[in-house]
Amino acid sequence: SVANVLGILEDYWPQLSWHRSQGEEPHEAQHLLLDSSKANAQLNWKPLWNLESALRVTARWYQHYLATNKVLTREQVLNYAALAEKAECAWAVQ
């Protein structure tokens, strides 16, 4: 759930502030059609991070950006690619 994701994110970013709307909100799950099977089949792709790791990295990106007005995207992509190479992901092995 969104509340679960925000709760985990708050562990890595205690200053994060959010509130739950009291009104009726649309349910979006029926619109989310994510499927990684093609990437797995064609690229031998597999996730390298679990949800908590991804949220930790996301929190760090936003915290750094808000503090410095600079992005960590290149550093984070290079770190992810190095992790993928170490895990011998086909798309990352040179």
C-alpha atoms as a PDB file:
ATOM      1  CA  SER A   1       0.000   0.000   0.000  1.00  0.00           C
ATOM      2  CA  VAL A   2       1.036   3.615  -0.375  1.00  0.00           C
ATOM      3  CA  ALA A   3       0.960   3.984   3.407  1.00  0.00           C
ATOM      4  CA  ASN A   4       3.369   1.039   3.725  1.00  0.00           C
ATOM      5  CA  VAL A   5       5.782   2.543   1.179  1.00  0.00           C
ATOM      6  CA  LEU A   6       5.636   5.929   2.905  1.00  0.00           C
ATOM      7  CA  GLY A   7       6.193   4.280   6.278  1.00  0.00           C
ATOM      8  CA  ILE A   8       9.348   2.551   5.016  1.00  0.00           C
ATOM      9  CA  LEU A   9      10.499   5.740   3.305  1.00  0.00           C
ATOM     10  CA  GLU A  10      10.025   7.630   6.549  1.00  0.00           C
ATOM     11  CA  ASP A  11      12.518   5.239   8.210  1.00  0.00           C
ATOM     12  CA  TYR A  12      15.192   6.595   5.849  1.00  0.00           C
ATOM     13  CA  TRP A  13      13.918  10.147   5.845  1.00  0.00           C
ATOM     14  CA  PRO A  14      12.496  11.033   9.279  1.00  0.00           C
ATOM     15  CA  GLN A  15      11.769  14.627   8.201  1.00  0.00           C
ATOM     16  CA  LEU A  16       9.359  13.369   5.545  1.00  0.00           C
ATOM     17  CA  SER A  17       5.873  14.654   6.173  1.00  0.00           C
ATOM     18  CA  TRP A  18       2.709  13.144   4.778  1.00  0.00           C
ATOM     19  CA  HIS A  19      -0.914  12.756   5.715  1.00  0.00           C
ATOM     20  CA  ARG A  20      -3.739  10.533   4.632  1.00  0.00           C
ATOM     21  CA  SER A  21      -6.719  12.174   2.993  1.00  0.00           C
ATOM     22  CA  GLN A  22      -9.989  11.726   4.807  1.00  0.00           C
ATOM     23  CA  GLY A  23     -12.008  11.739   1.585  1.00  0.00           C
ATOM     24  CA  GLU A  24     -12.731   8.903  -0.816  1.00  0.00           C
ATOM     25  CA  GLU A  25      -9.821   8.366  -3.189  1.00  0.00           C
ATOM     26  CA  PRO A  26      -9.693   6.401  -6.470  1.00  0.00           C
ATOM     27  CA  HIS A  27      -8.141   2.955  -6.306  1.00  0.00           C
ATOM     28  CA  GLU A  28      -5.242   2.864  -8.774  1.00  0.00           C
ATOM     29  CA  ALA A  29      -4.169  -0.785  -8.602  1.00  0.00           C
ATOM     30  CA  GLN A  30      -6.327  -1.677 -11.592  1.00  0.00           C
ATOM     31  CA  HIS A  31      -4.319   0.800 -13.692  1.00  0.00           C
ATOM     32  CA  LEU A  32      -0.855  -0.496 -12.753  1.00  0.00           C
ATOM     33  CA  LEU A  33       0.282  -2.996 -15.358  1.00  0.00           C
ATOM     34  CA  LEU A  34       3.954  -3.511 -14.573  1.00  0.00           C
ATOM     35  CA  ASP A  35       5.454  -6.765 -15.798  1.00  0.00           C
ATOM     36  CA  SER A  36       9.169  -7.504 -15.790  1.00  0.00           C
ATOM     37  CA  SER A  37       8.905 -10.920 -17.481  1.00  0.00           C
ATOM     38  CA  LYS A  38      10.038  -9.611 -20.900  1.00  0.00           C
ATOM     39  CA  ALA A  39      13.105  -7.940 -19.380  1.00  0.00           C
ATOM     40  CA  ASN A  40      13.829 -11.153 -17.521  1.00  0.00           C
ATOM     41  CA  ALA A  41      13.434 -13.307 -20.631  1.00  0.00           C
ATOM     42  CA  GLN A  42      15.377 -11.104 -23.055  1.00  0.00           C
ATOM     43  CA  LEU A  43      17.967  -9.476 -20.801  1.00  0.00           C
ATOM     44  CA  ASN A  44      18.236 -11.981 -17.980  1.00  0.00           C
ATOM     45  CA  TRP A  45      17.162  -9.062 -15.808  1.00  0.00           C
ATOM     46  CA  LYS A  46      16.552  -9.554 -12.129  1.00  0.00           C
ATOM     47  CA  PRO A  47      15.957  -7.026  -9.383  1.00  0.00           C
ATOM     48  CA  LEU A  48      19.094  -6.176  -7.444  1.00  0.00           C
ATOM     49  CA  TRP A  49      17.378  -4.197  -4.713  1.00  0.00           C
ATOM     50  CA  ASN A  50      14.461  -5.068  -2.524  1.00  0.00           C
ATOM     51  CA  LEU A  51      11.834  -2.421  -1.783  1.00  0.00           C
ATOM     52  CA  GLU A  52      13.626  -1.110   1.288  1.00  0.00           C
ATOM     53  CA  SER A  53      16.927  -0.692  -0.572  1.00  0.00           C
ATOM     54  CA  ALA A  54      15.220   1.139  -3.432  1.00  0.00           C
ATOM     55  CA  LEU A  55      13.442   3.454  -1.010  1.00  0.00           C
ATOM     56  CA  ARG A  56      16.689   4.111   0.893  1.00  0.00           C
ATOM     57  CA  VAL A  57      18.415   5.158  -2.339  1.00  0.00           C
ATOM     58  CA  THR A  58      15.405   7.249  -3.361  1.00  0.00           C
ATOM     59  CA  ALA A  59      15.360   9.037  -0.010  1.00  0.00           C
ATOM     60  CA  ARG A  60      19.077   9.730  -0.285  1.00  0.00           C
ATOM     61  CA  TRP A  61      18.619  11.195  -3.776  1.00  0.00           C
ATOM     62  CA  TYR A  62      15.899  13.594  -2.648  1.00  0.00           C
ATOM     63  CA  GLN A  63      17.688  14.572   0.558  1.00  0.00           C
ATOM     64  CA  HIS A  64      20.878  15.344  -1.367  1.00  0.00           C
ATOM     65  CA  TYR A  65      18.981  17.287  -4.033  1.00  0.00           C
ATOM     66  CA  LEU A  66      17.066  19.373  -1.495  1.00  0.00           C
ATOM     67  CA  ALA A  67      20.261  20.119   0.460  1.00  0.00           C
ATOM     68  CA  THR A  68      22.556  20.894  -2.482  1.00  0.00           C
ATOM     69  CA  ASN A  69      20.343  21.424  -5.551  1.00  0.00           C
ATOM     70  CA  LYS A  70      22.488  18.747  -7.234  1.00  0.00           C
ATOM     71  CA  VAL A  71      21.405  15.291  -8.350  1.00  0.00           C
ATOM     72  CA  LEU A  72      23.015  11.955  -7.501  1.00  0.00           C
ATOM     73  CA  THR A  73      21.631  10.201 -10.555  1.00  0.00           C
ATOM     74  CA  ARG A  74      24.931   9.438 -12.282  1.00  0.00           C
ATOM     75  CA  GLU A  75      26.542   8.154  -9.081  1.00  0.00           C
ATOM     76  CA  GLN A  76      23.536   5.978  -8.279  1.00  0.00           C
ATOM     77  CA  VAL A  77      23.292   4.543 -11.800  1.00  0.00           C
ATOM     78  CA  LEU A  78      27.012   3.720 -11.798  1.00  0.00           C
ATOM     79  CA  ASN A  79      26.682   2.043  -8.387  1.00  0.00           C
ATOM     80  CA  TYR A  80      23.691   0.033  -9.631  1.00  0.00           C
ATOM     81  CA  ALA A  81      25.566  -1.015 -12.787  1.00  0.00           C
ATOM     82  CA  ALA A  82      28.555  -2.128 -10.696  1.00  0.00           C
ATOM     83  CA  LEU A  83      26.235  -4.174  -8.502  1.00  0.00           C
ATOM     84  CA  ALA A  84      24.655  -5.699 -11.619  1.00  0.00           C
ATOM     85  CA  GLU A  85      28.057  -6.582 -13.021  1.00  0.00           C
ATOM     86  CA  LYS A  86      29.033  -8.216  -9.741  1.00  0.00           C
ATOM     87  CA  ALA A  87      25.767 -10.209  -9.848  1.00  0.00           C
ATOM     88  CA  GLU A  88      26.692 -11.206 -13.435  1.00  0.00           C
ATOM     89  CA  CYS A  89      23.583  -9.705 -14.994  1.00  0.00           C
ATOM     90  CA  ALA A  90      23.852 -10.234 -18.764  1.00  0.00           C
ATOM     91  CA  TRP A  91      23.205  -6.566 -19.563  1.00  0.00           C
ATOM     92  CA  ALA A  92      25.983  -5.415 -17.226  1.00  0.00           C
ATOM     93  CA  VAL A  93      28.779  -7.869 -17.851  1.00  0.00           C
ATOM     94  CA  GLN A  94      31.458  -6.399 -20.070  1.00  0.00           C
END
